[in-house]
Amino acid sequence: MELKNIGVIGAGAMGSGIAQVSAVAGYDVVLQDIYSDALDRAKDTIEKSLGKMVSKGKMAKTDMGIALDRIKFTSVLEEACKDADLVVEAVFEDLELKQKMFKELETLCKPEAILGSNTSALPITEIASVTNRGDKIIGIHFMNPVPLMKGVEIIRGQLTSDETTEIALGYVKRLGKEPVMAVDFAGFIVSRLLDVLLNETVKLVQEGNRPEDIDKAMELCAGHPMGPCKLLDLVGAEIAMHGMETMERDFGDRYKPHPLLKKRVLAGLLGRKTGRGFYEY
């Protein structure tokens, strides 16, 4: 099956990024969110992101206009689903919510449509278990920020077909990105390793280490392009916490989120998205 129409569900940072790179790659995109203000922010974010590419000489202004014309914005889920060859779900990282969403997608999408999830930690088989089309469901885990990050995890569920996998791989490659196959266990590869690092970072802060020193140490001594405190602010503290909770459920107490991480989430110190995390923005 040739992909032409892409539906993206959820207009947050990930969803808007997925919509942007899909449109730039030549796909017709419908970006859906139940909140009109989220759609307005997404449109503004996409325009600014493409504008930066134009100003840096990485894209012609006419190509920017063409890409923007390929994206439609809607609050109606059916609009994003009815013509979609591939739907990429990018809603909040909550199993019950994602299962509810996939039940709706199964009803609204055409039978041959592929249903992808951008989940960073929840097993694909578990998400697909509430549907009758496990062969068409696959994990397509983009990294933040989507337009800049090259790698994308591809995760097969227990029932994901070879055809679905090949189509998903082709889609990612057409976006100019590199797919990485990951096994369907909680956290996959990236979140399994990264969330543990971020959780340990919170422990270091509680023990008295300054975020600036932690970041400086990892950047200068370990060669990390971004220190873990900066990274946690970029990812969002609540995303790391939910990742740890998912892995704790499947793998045991050694993946338990640190109490200070939970406190920071409850206090709204999520990072860039709230203006305050380990740093102020």
C-alpha atoms as a PDB file:
ATOM      1  CA  MET A   1       0.000   0.000   0.000  1.00  0.00           C
ATOM      2  CA  GLU A   2       1.271   3.461  -0.923  1.00  0.00           C
ATOM      3  CA  LEU A   3       0.935   6.091   1.766  1.00  0.00           C
ATOM      4  CA  LYS A   4      -0.517   9.410   0.677  1.00  0.00           C
ATOM      5  CA  ASN A   5      -2.613  10.705   3.555  1.00  0.00           C
ATOM      6  CA  ILE A   6      -1.357  10.908   7.148  1.00  0.00           C
ATOM      7  CA  GLY A   7      -3.540  11.562  10.175  1.00  0.00           C
ATOM      8  CA  VAL A   8      -1.824  12.794  13.340  1.00  0.00           C
ATOM      9  CA  ILE A   9      -3.744  12.652  16.621  1.00  0.00           C
ATOM     10  CA  GLY A  10      -2.631  15.124  19.273  1.00  0.00           C
ATOM     11  CA  ALA A  11      -1.244  18.587  18.471  1.00  0.00           C
ATOM     12  CA  GLY A  12       1.357  18.879  21.217  1.00  0.00           C
ATOM     13  CA  ALA A  13       5.095  19.160  20.621  1.00  0.00           C
ATOM     14  CA  MET A  14       5.344  15.645  19.215  1.00  0.00           C
ATOM     15  CA  GLY A  15       2.190  15.701  17.100  1.00  0.00           C
ATOM     16  CA  SER A  16       2.949  19.085  15.545  1.00  0.00           C
ATOM     17  CA  GLY A  17       6.493  17.932  14.768  1.00  0.00           C
ATOM     18  CA  ILE A  18       5.249  14.719  13.148  1.00  0.00           C
ATOM     19  CA  ALA A  19       2.758  16.710  11.077  1.00  0.00           C
ATOM     20  CA  GLN A  20       5.497  19.106   9.977  1.00  0.00           C
ATOM     21  CA  VAL A  21       8.030  16.506   8.824  1.00  0.00           C
ATOM     22  CA  SER A  22       5.304  14.483   7.099  1.00  0.00           C
ATOM     23  CA  ALA A  23       4.114  17.530   5.130  1.00  0.00           C
ATOM     24  CA  VAL A  24       7.677  18.490   4.181  1.00  0.00           C
ATOM     25  CA  ALA A  25       8.162  14.945   2.878  1.00  0.00           C
ATOM     26  CA  GLY A  26       5.176  15.359   0.554  1.00  0.00           C
ATOM     27  CA  TYR A  27       2.342  13.732   2.475  1.00  0.00           C
ATOM     28  CA  ASP A  28      -1.081  15.316   2.915  1.00  0.00           C
ATOM     29  CA  VAL A  29      -1.622  15.662   6.654  1.00  0.00           C
ATOM     30  CA  VAL A  30      -4.604  16.206   8.934  1.00  0.00           C
ATOM     31  CA  LEU A  31      -3.594  17.201  12.473  1.00  0.00           C
ATOM     32  CA  GLN A  32      -6.307  16.652  15.084  1.00  0.00           C
ATOM     33  CA  ASP A  33      -6.702  17.774  18.668  1.00  0.00           C
ATOM     34  CA  ILE A  34      -9.801  18.254  20.804  1.00  0.00           C
ATOM     35  CA  TYR A  35      -8.526  21.653  21.964  1.00  0.00           C
ATOM     36  CA  SER A  36      -8.628  24.551  19.491  1.00  0.00           C
ATOM     37  CA  ASP A  37      -5.892  26.439  21.360  1.00  0.00           C
ATOM     38  CA  ALA A  38      -3.580  23.433  20.940  1.00  0.00           C
ATOM     39  CA  LEU A  39      -4.222  23.517  17.197  1.00  0.00           C
ATOM     40  CA  ASP A  40      -3.498  27.260  17.105  1.00  0.00           C
ATOM     41  CA  ARG A  41      -0.219  26.740  18.971  1.00  0.00           C
ATOM     42  CA  ALA A  42       0.707  23.863  16.656  1.00  0.00           C
ATOM     43  CA  LYS A  43       0.105  25.971  13.553  1.00  0.00           C
ATOM     44  CA  ASP A  44       2.219  28.776  14.965  1.00  0.00           C
ATOM     45  CA  THR A  45       4.979  26.367  15.999  1.00  0.00           C
ATOM     46  CA  ILE A  46       5.100  24.727  12.570  1.00  0.00           C
ATOM     47  CA  GLU A  47       5.209  28.100  10.783  1.00  0.00           C
ATOM     48  CA  LYS A  48       8.050  29.305  13.016  1.00  0.00           C
ATOM     49  CA  SER A  49       9.980  26.056  12.615  1.00  0.00           C
ATOM     50  CA  LEU A  50       9.736  26.128   8.829  1.00  0.00           C
ATOM     51  CA  GLY A  51      10.532  29.841   8.864  1.00  0.00           C
ATOM     52  CA  LYS A  52      13.815  29.098  10.634  1.00  0.00           C
ATOM     53  CA  MET A  53      14.661  26.545   7.953  1.00  0.00           C
ATOM     54  CA  VAL A  54      14.026  29.181   5.276  1.00  0.00           C
ATOM     55  CA  SER A  55      16.141  31.781   7.075  1.00  0.00           C
ATOM     56  CA  LYS A  56      19.012  29.295   7.334  1.00  0.00           C
ATOM     57  CA  GLY A  57      18.806  28.437   3.643  1.00  0.00           C
ATOM     58  CA  LYS A  58      17.667  24.868   4.289  1.00  0.00           C
ATOM     59  CA  MET A  59      14.311  25.344   2.548  1.00  0.00           C
ATOM     60  CA  ALA A  60      12.968  27.611  -0.175  1.00  0.00           C
ATOM     61  CA  LYS A  61      10.151  29.947   0.822  1.00  0.00           C
ATOM     62  CA  THR A  62       7.921  28.481  -1.880  1.00  0.00           C
ATOM     63  CA  ASP A  63       8.508  24.973  -0.446  1.00  0.00           C
ATOM     64  CA  MET A  64       7.540  26.270   2.992  1.00  0.00           C
ATOM     65  CA  GLY A  65       4.249  27.490   1.570  1.00  0.00           C
ATOM     66  CA  ILE A  66       3.620  24.175  -0.154  1.00  0.00           C
ATOM     67  CA  ALA A  67       4.314  22.248   3.070  1.00  0.00           C
ATOM     68  CA  LEU A  68       1.971  24.462   5.090  1.00  0.00           C
ATOM     69  CA  ASP A  69      -0.774  24.006   2.494  1.00  0.00           C
ATOM     70  CA  ARG A  70      -0.501  20.237   2.946  1.00  0.00           C
ATOM     71  CA  ILE A  71      -1.510  20.431   6.640  1.00  0.00           C
ATOM     72  CA  LYS A  72      -5.132  20.715   7.702  1.00  0.00           C
ATOM     73  CA  PHE A  73      -6.103  21.345  11.320  1.00  0.00           C
ATOM     74  CA  THR A  74      -9.258  19.928  12.900  1.00  0.00           C
ATOM     75  CA  SER A  75     -10.860  19.171  16.248  1.00  0.00           C
ATOM     76  CA  VAL A  76     -12.918  16.351  14.687  1.00  0.00           C
ATOM     77  CA  LEU A  77     -11.290  12.930  15.014  1.00  0.00           C
ATOM     78  CA  GLU A  78     -13.201  11.498  12.066  1.00  0.00           C
ATOM     79  CA  GLU A  79     -11.711  14.157   9.765  1.00  0.00           C
ATOM     80  CA  ALA A  80      -8.194  12.960  10.582  1.00  0.00           C
ATOM     81  CA  CYS A  81      -9.134   9.316  10.098  1.00  0.00           C
ATOM     82  CA  LYS A  82     -11.504   8.978   7.156  1.00  0.00           C
ATOM     83  CA  ASP A  83      -8.926   9.253   4.328  1.00  0.00           C
ATOM     84  CA  ALA A  84      -5.797   8.338   6.284  1.00  0.00           C
ATOM     85  CA  ASP A  85      -3.522   5.566   5.031  1.00  0.00           C
ATOM     86  CA  LEU A  86      -1.502   5.930   8.231  1.00  0.00           C
ATOM     87  CA  VAL A  87      -2.576   7.428  11.539  1.00  0.00           C
ATOM     88  CA  VAL A  88       0.072   8.348  14.109  1.00  0.00           C
ATOM     89  CA  GLU A  89      -1.306   8.710  17.638  1.00  0.00           C
ATOM     90  CA  ALA A  90       0.572  11.217  19.802  1.00  0.00           C
ATOM     91  CA  VAL A  91      -1.695  11.748  22.796  1.00  0.00           C
ATOM     92  CA  PHE A  92      -0.767  11.827  26.493  1.00  0.00           C
ATOM     93  CA  GLU A  93       1.320   8.903  27.754  1.00  0.00           C
ATOM     94  CA  ASP A  94      -1.448   7.000  29.523  1.00  0.00           C
ATOM     95  CA  LEU A  95      -2.342   3.387  28.692  1.00  0.00           C
ATOM     96  CA  GLU A  96      -6.083   3.709  29.308  1.00  0.00           C
ATOM     97  CA  LEU A  97      -6.274   6.845  27.154  1.00  0.00           C
ATOM     98  CA  LYS A  98      -4.291   5.273  24.323  1.00  0.00           C
ATOM     99  CA  GLN A  99      -6.395   2.101  24.381  1.00  0.00           C
ATOM    100  CA  LYS A 100      -9.552   4.206  24.232  1.00  0.00           C
ATOM    101  CA  MET A 101      -8.075   6.132  21.302  1.00  0.00           C
ATOM    102  CA  PHE A 102      -7.183   2.977  19.380  1.00  0.00           C
ATOM    103  CA  LYS A 103     -10.698   1.604  19.843  1.00  0.00           C
ATOM    104  CA  GLU A 104     -11.985   4.774  18.203  1.00  0.00           C
ATOM    105  CA  LEU A 105      -9.362   4.678  15.456  1.00  0.00           C
ATOM    106  CA  GLU A 106     -10.329   1.112  14.622  1.00  0.00           C
ATOM    107  CA  THR A 107     -13.916   2.237  14.099  1.00  0.00           C
ATOM    108  CA  LEU A 108     -13.165   5.446  12.173  1.00  0.00           C
ATOM    109  CA  CYS A 109     -10.276   4.367   9.929  1.00  0.00           C
ATOM    110  CA  LYS A 110     -10.575   2.306   6.772  1.00  0.00           C
ATOM    111  CA  PRO A 111      -9.733  -1.405   7.252  1.00  0.00           C
ATOM    112  CA  GLU A 112      -6.417  -1.218   5.414  1.00  0.00           C
ATOM    113  CA  ALA A 113      -5.142   1.815   7.337  1.00  0.00           C
ATOM    114  CA  ILE A 114      -2.062   1.410   9.517  1.00  0.00           C
ATOM    115  CA  LEU A 115      -2.342   2.642  13.097  1.00  0.00           C
ATOM    116  CA  GLY A 116       0.907   3.860  14.626  1.00  0.00           C
ATOM    117  CA  SER A 117       1.609   4.969  18.184  1.00  0.00           C
ATOM    118  CA  ASN A 118       4.242   7.487  19.185  1.00  0.00           C
ATOM    119  CA  THR A 119       4.317   6.074  22.719  1.00  0.00           C
ATOM    120  CA  SER A 120       7.728   6.322  24.348  1.00  0.00           C
ATOM    121  CA  ALA A 121       7.295   3.438  26.797  1.00  0.00           C
ATOM    122  CA  LEU A 122       3.937   1.605  26.664  1.00  0.00           C
ATOM    123  CA  PRO A 123       4.109  -1.833  25.003  1.00  0.00           C
ATOM    124  CA  ILE A 124       2.520  -1.880  21.554  1.00  0.00           C
ATOM    125  CA  THR A 125       0.949  -5.304  22.109  1.00  0.00           C
ATOM    126  CA  GLU A 126      -0.838  -3.951  25.166  1.00  0.00           C
ATOM    127  CA  ILE A 127      -2.164  -0.933  23.268  1.00  0.00           C
ATOM    128  CA  ALA A 128      -3.291  -3.151  20.377  1.00  0.00           C
ATOM    129  CA  SER A 129      -4.951  -5.743  22.643  1.00  0.00           C
ATOM    130  CA  VAL A 130      -8.247  -3.813  22.725  1.00  0.00           C
ATOM    131  CA  THR A 131      -8.592  -3.903  18.923  1.00  0.00           C
ATOM    132  CA  ASN A 132      -9.173  -6.563  16.277  1.00  0.00           C
ATOM    133  CA  ARG A 133      -6.432  -5.382  13.947  1.00  0.00           C
ATOM    134  CA  GLY A 134      -3.181  -6.081  15.761  1.00  0.00           C
ATOM    135  CA  ASP A 135      -1.528  -6.827  12.420  1.00  0.00           C
ATOM    136  CA  LYS A 136      -1.993  -3.171  11.407  1.00  0.00           C
ATOM    137  CA  ILE A 137      -0.691  -1.609  14.643  1.00  0.00           C
ATOM    138  CA  ILE A 138       2.937  -0.593  15.170  1.00  0.00           C
ATOM    139  CA  GLY A 139       5.057   1.686  17.326  1.00  0.00           C
ATOM    140  CA  ILE A 140       6.593   4.697  15.552  1.00  0.00           C
ATOM    141  CA  HIS A 141       8.452   6.517  18.318  1.00  0.00           C
ATOM    142  CA  PHE A 142       9.808   9.895  17.211  1.00  0.00           C
ATOM    143  CA  MET A 143      12.269  11.852  19.324  1.00  0.00           C
ATOM    144  CA  ASN A 144      11.864  15.428  20.556  1.00  0.00           C
ATOM    145  CA  PRO A 145      12.282  17.822  18.775  1.00  0.00           C
ATOM    146  CA  VAL A 146      10.911  15.841  15.845  1.00  0.00           C
ATOM    147  CA  PRO A 147      12.187  18.068  12.999  1.00  0.00           C
ATOM    148  CA  LEU A 148      15.769  17.879  14.283  1.00  0.00           C
ATOM    149  CA  MET A 149      16.187  14.376  15.697  1.00  0.00           C
ATOM    150  CA  LYS A 150      17.274  11.806  13.126  1.00  0.00           C
ATOM    151  CA  GLY A 151      16.333   8.518  14.796  1.00  0.00           C
ATOM    152  CA  VAL A 152      12.903   6.892  15.076  1.00  0.00           C
ATOM    153  CA  GLU A 153      12.213   3.674  16.999  1.00  0.00           C
ATOM    154  CA  ILE A 154      10.035   1.142  15.184  1.00  0.00           C
ATOM    155  CA  ILE A 155       8.362  -1.377  17.499  1.00  0.00           C
ATOM    156  CA  ARG A 156       6.478  -4.457  16.319  1.00  0.00           C
ATOM    157  CA  GLY A 157       3.723  -5.826  18.506  1.00  0.00           C
ATOM    158  CA  GLN A 158       3.122  -9.570  18.759  1.00  0.00           C
ATOM    159  CA  LEU A 159       0.689  -9.445  15.839  1.00  0.00           C
ATOM    160  CA  THR A 160       2.237  -6.695  13.685  1.00  0.00           C
ATOM    161  CA  SER A 161       2.581  -7.974  10.118  1.00  0.00           C
ATOM    162  CA  ASP A 162       5.678  -7.822   7.933  1.00  0.00           C
ATOM    163  CA  GLU A 163       3.777  -5.615   5.483  1.00  0.00           C
ATOM    164  CA  THR A 164       2.884  -3.096   8.194  1.00  0.00           C
ATOM    165  CA  THR A 165       6.496  -3.027   9.345  1.00  0.00           C
ATOM    166  CA  GLU A 166       7.848  -2.457   5.829  1.00  0.00           C
ATOM    167  CA  ILE A 167       5.402   0.380   5.201  1.00  0.00           C
ATOM    168  CA  ALA A 168       6.297   2.035   8.512  1.00  0.00           C
ATOM    169  CA  LEU A 169      10.009   1.727   7.715  1.00  0.00           C
ATOM    170  CA  GLY A 170       9.425   3.256   4.271  1.00  0.00           C
ATOM    171  CA  TYR A 171       7.493   6.149   5.801  1.00  0.00           C
ATOM    172  CA  VAL A 172      10.266   6.950   8.279  1.00  0.00           C
ATOM    173  CA  LYS A 173      12.947   6.789   5.581  1.00  0.00           C
ATOM    174  CA  ARG A 174      10.954   9.108   3.306  1.00  0.00           C
ATOM    175  CA  LEU A 175      10.975  11.641   6.148  1.00  0.00           C
ATOM    176  CA  GLY A 176      14.771  11.596   5.908  1.00  0.00           C
ATOM    177  CA  LYS A 177      15.126   9.805   9.227  1.00  0.00           C
ATOM    178  CA  GLU A 178      16.815   6.587  10.328  1.00  0.00           C
ATOM    179  CA  PRO A 179      14.578   3.821  11.726  1.00  0.00           C
ATOM    180  CA  VAL A 180      15.832   1.677  14.596  1.00  0.00           C
ATOM    181  CA  MET A 181      14.063  -1.606  15.369  1.00  0.00           C
ATOM    182  CA  ALA A 182      13.288  -2.094  19.070  1.00  0.00           C
ATOM    183  CA  VAL A 183      11.730  -5.071  20.876  1.00  0.00           C
ATOM    184  CA  ASP A 184       8.269  -4.603  22.405  1.00  0.00           C
ATOM    185  CA  PHE A 185       9.084  -4.375  26.116  1.00  0.00           C
ATOM    186  CA  ALA A 186       8.257  -1.378  28.300  1.00  0.00           C
ATOM    187  CA  GLY A 187      10.536   1.539  27.452  1.00  0.00           C
ATOM    188  CA  PHE A 188      11.844  -0.116  24.249  1.00  0.00           C
ATOM    189  CA  ILE A 189      15.506   0.980  23.885  1.00  0.00           C
ATOM    190  CA  VAL A 190      15.644   4.758  24.228  1.00  0.00           C
ATOM    191  CA  SER A 191      13.295   5.331  27.163  1.00  0.00           C
ATOM    192  CA  ARG A 192      14.501   2.167  28.914  1.00  0.00           C
ATOM    193  CA  LEU A 193      17.988   3.647  29.142  1.00  0.00           C
ATOM    194  CA  LEU A 194      17.243   7.364  29.132  1.00  0.00           C
ATOM    195  CA  ASP A 195      14.539   7.459  31.810  1.00  0.00           C
ATOM    196  CA  VAL A 196      16.805   5.578  34.205  1.00  0.00           C
ATOM    197  CA  LEU A 197      19.520   8.189  33.590  1.00  0.00           C
ATOM    198  CA  LEU A 198      17.048  11.019  34.189  1.00  0.00           C
ATOM    199  CA  ASN A 199      15.698   9.369  37.336  1.00  0.00           C
ATOM    200  CA  GLU A 200      19.258   9.030  38.654  1.00  0.00           C
ATOM    201  CA  THR A 201      19.816  12.677  37.809  1.00  0.00           C
ATOM    202  CA  VAL A 202      16.991  13.655  40.171  1.00  0.00           C
ATOM    203  CA  LYS A 203      18.686  11.624  42.922  1.00  0.00           C
ATOM    204  CA  LEU A 204      21.909  13.562  42.348  1.00  0.00           C
ATOM    205  CA  VAL A 205      20.036  16.848  42.708  1.00  0.00           C
ATOM    206  CA  GLN A 206      18.442  15.688  45.954  1.00  0.00           C
ATOM    207  CA  GLU A 207      21.891  14.790  47.268  1.00  0.00           C
ATOM    208  CA  GLY A 208      22.995  18.388  46.763  1.00  0.00           C
ATOM    209  CA  ASN A 209      24.539  18.496  43.309  1.00  0.00           C
ATOM    210  CA  ARG A 210      23.698  21.607  41.315  1.00  0.00           C
ATOM    211  CA  PRO A 211      21.930  21.028  37.955  1.00  0.00           C
ATOM    212  CA  GLU A 212      24.569  23.223  36.286  1.00  0.00           C
ATOM    213  CA  ASP A 213      27.371  20.996  37.582  1.00  0.00           C
ATOM    214  CA  ILE A 214      25.594  17.768  36.638  1.00  0.00           C
ATOM    215  CA  ASP A 215      25.073  19.031  33.094  1.00  0.00           C
ATOM    216  CA  LYS A 216      28.618  20.356  32.815  1.00  0.00           C
ATOM    217  CA  ALA A 217      30.058  17.048  34.036  1.00  0.00           C
ATOM    218  CA  MET A 218      28.086  14.932  31.555  1.00  0.00           C
ATOM    219  CA  GLU A 219      28.717  17.277  28.642  1.00  0.00           C
ATOM    220  CA  LEU A 220      32.463  17.693  29.240  1.00  0.00           C
ATOM    221  CA  CYS A 221      33.356  14.346  30.837  1.00  0.00           C
ATOM    222  CA  ALA A 222      30.985  11.940  29.103  1.00  0.00           C
ATOM    223  CA  GLY A 223      30.570  13.683  25.751  1.00  0.00           C
ATOM    224  CA  HIS A 224      26.807  14.146  26.041  1.00  0.00           C
ATOM    225  CA  PRO A 225      25.564  16.880  23.669  1.00  0.00           C
ATOM    226  CA  MET A 226      23.078  18.009  26.333  1.00  0.00           C
ATOM    227  CA  GLY A 227      23.286  17.516  30.083  1.00  0.00           C
ATOM    228  CA  PRO A 228      20.592  15.369  31.745  1.00  0.00           C
ATOM    229  CA  CYS A 229      18.966  18.254  33.666  1.00  0.00           C
ATOM    230  CA  LYS A 230      18.565  20.229  30.448  1.00  0.00           C
ATOM    231  CA  LEU A 231      17.325  17.078  28.757  1.00  0.00           C
ATOM    232  CA  LEU A 232      14.753  16.353  31.451  1.00  0.00           C
ATOM    233  CA  ASP A 233      13.471  19.917  31.061  1.00  0.00           C
ATOM    234  CA  LEU A 234      13.198  19.357  27.310  1.00  0.00           C
ATOM    235  CA  VAL A 235      11.508  15.935  27.542  1.00  0.00           C
ATOM    236  CA  GLY A 236       9.207  16.912  30.403  1.00  0.00           C
ATOM    237  CA  ALA A 237       9.430  15.565  33.946  1.00  0.00           C
ATOM    238  CA  GLU A 238       6.006  13.941  33.695  1.00  0.00           C
ATOM    239  CA  ILE A 239       7.046  11.964  30.591  1.00  0.00           C
ATOM    240  CA  ALA A 240      10.069  10.536  32.407  1.00  0.00           C
ATOM    241  CA  MET A 241       7.944   9.753  35.463  1.00  0.00           C
ATOM    242  CA  HIS A 242       5.314   7.896  33.445  1.00  0.00           C
ATOM    243  CA  GLY A 243       8.072   5.990  31.648  1.00  0.00           C
ATOM    244  CA  MET A 244       9.548   4.890  34.960  1.00  0.00           C
ATOM    245  CA  GLU A 245       6.107   3.903  36.274  1.00  0.00           C
ATOM    246  CA  THR A 246       5.485   1.765  33.188  1.00  0.00           C
ATOM    247  CA  MET A 247       8.833   0.018  33.573  1.00  0.00           C
ATOM    248  CA  GLU A 248       8.342  -0.396  37.337  1.00  0.00           C
ATOM    249  CA  ARG A 249       5.049  -2.150  36.635  1.00  0.00           C
ATOM    250  CA  ASP A 250       6.678  -4.589  34.188  1.00  0.00           C
ATOM    251  CA  PHE A 251      10.194  -4.969  35.599  1.00  0.00           C
ATOM    252  CA  GLY A 252       9.983  -4.280  39.334  1.00  0.00           C
ATOM    253  CA  ASP A 253      11.119  -1.816  41.981  1.00  0.00           C
ATOM    254  CA  ARG A 254      14.526  -1.086  40.490  1.00  0.00           C
ATOM    255  CA  TYR A 255      12.702   1.173  38.017  1.00  0.00           C
ATOM    256  CA  LYS A 256      10.730   3.014  40.685  1.00  0.00           C
ATOM    257  CA  PRO A 257      10.536   6.776  39.995  1.00  0.00           C
ATOM    258  CA  HIS A 258      12.367   8.830  42.599  1.00  0.00           C
ATOM    259  CA  PRO A 259      10.038  10.619  45.089  1.00  0.00           C
ATOM    260  CA  LEU A 260      11.547  13.984  44.151  1.00  0.00           C
ATOM    261  CA  LEU A 261      10.673  13.378  40.497  1.00  0.00           C
ATOM    262  CA  LYS A 262       7.041  12.848  41.504  1.00  0.00           C
ATOM    263  CA  LYS A 263       7.093  15.967  43.676  1.00  0.00           C
ATOM    264  CA  ARG A 264       8.446  18.071  40.826  1.00  0.00           C
ATOM    265  CA  VAL A 265       5.680  16.809  38.555  1.00  0.00           C
ATOM    266  CA  LEU A 266       3.019  17.588  41.180  1.00  0.00           C
ATOM    267  CA  ALA A 267       4.498  21.069  41.585  1.00  0.00           C
ATOM    268  CA  GLY A 268       4.294  21.689  37.839  1.00  0.00           C
ATOM    269  CA  LEU A 269       8.062  21.887  37.410  1.00  0.00           C
ATOM    270  CA  LEU A 270       7.873  20.037  34.112  1.00  0.00           C
ATOM    271  CA  GLY A 271      10.530  21.996  32.242  1.00  0.00           C
ATOM    272  CA  ARG A 272      10.261  24.031  29.050  1.00  0.00           C
ATOM    273  CA  LYS A 273       6.535  23.411  28.587  1.00  0.00           C
ATOM    274  CA  THR A 274       5.677  25.122  31.892  1.00  0.00           C
ATOM    275  CA  GLY A 275       8.537  27.633  31.886  1.00  0.00           C
ATOM    276  CA  ARG A 276      10.222  26.128  34.961  1.00  0.00           C
ATOM    277  CA  GLY A 277      12.109  22.930  35.609  1.00  0.00           C
ATOM    278  CA  PHE A 278      15.692  22.703  36.746  1.00  0.00           C
ATOM    279  CA  TYR A 279      16.088  25.972  34.852  1.00  0.00           C
ATOM    280  CA  GLU A 280      13.749  28.853  34.010  1.00  0.00           C
ATOM    281  CA  TYR A 281      12.609  29.499  30.422  1.00  0.00           C
END
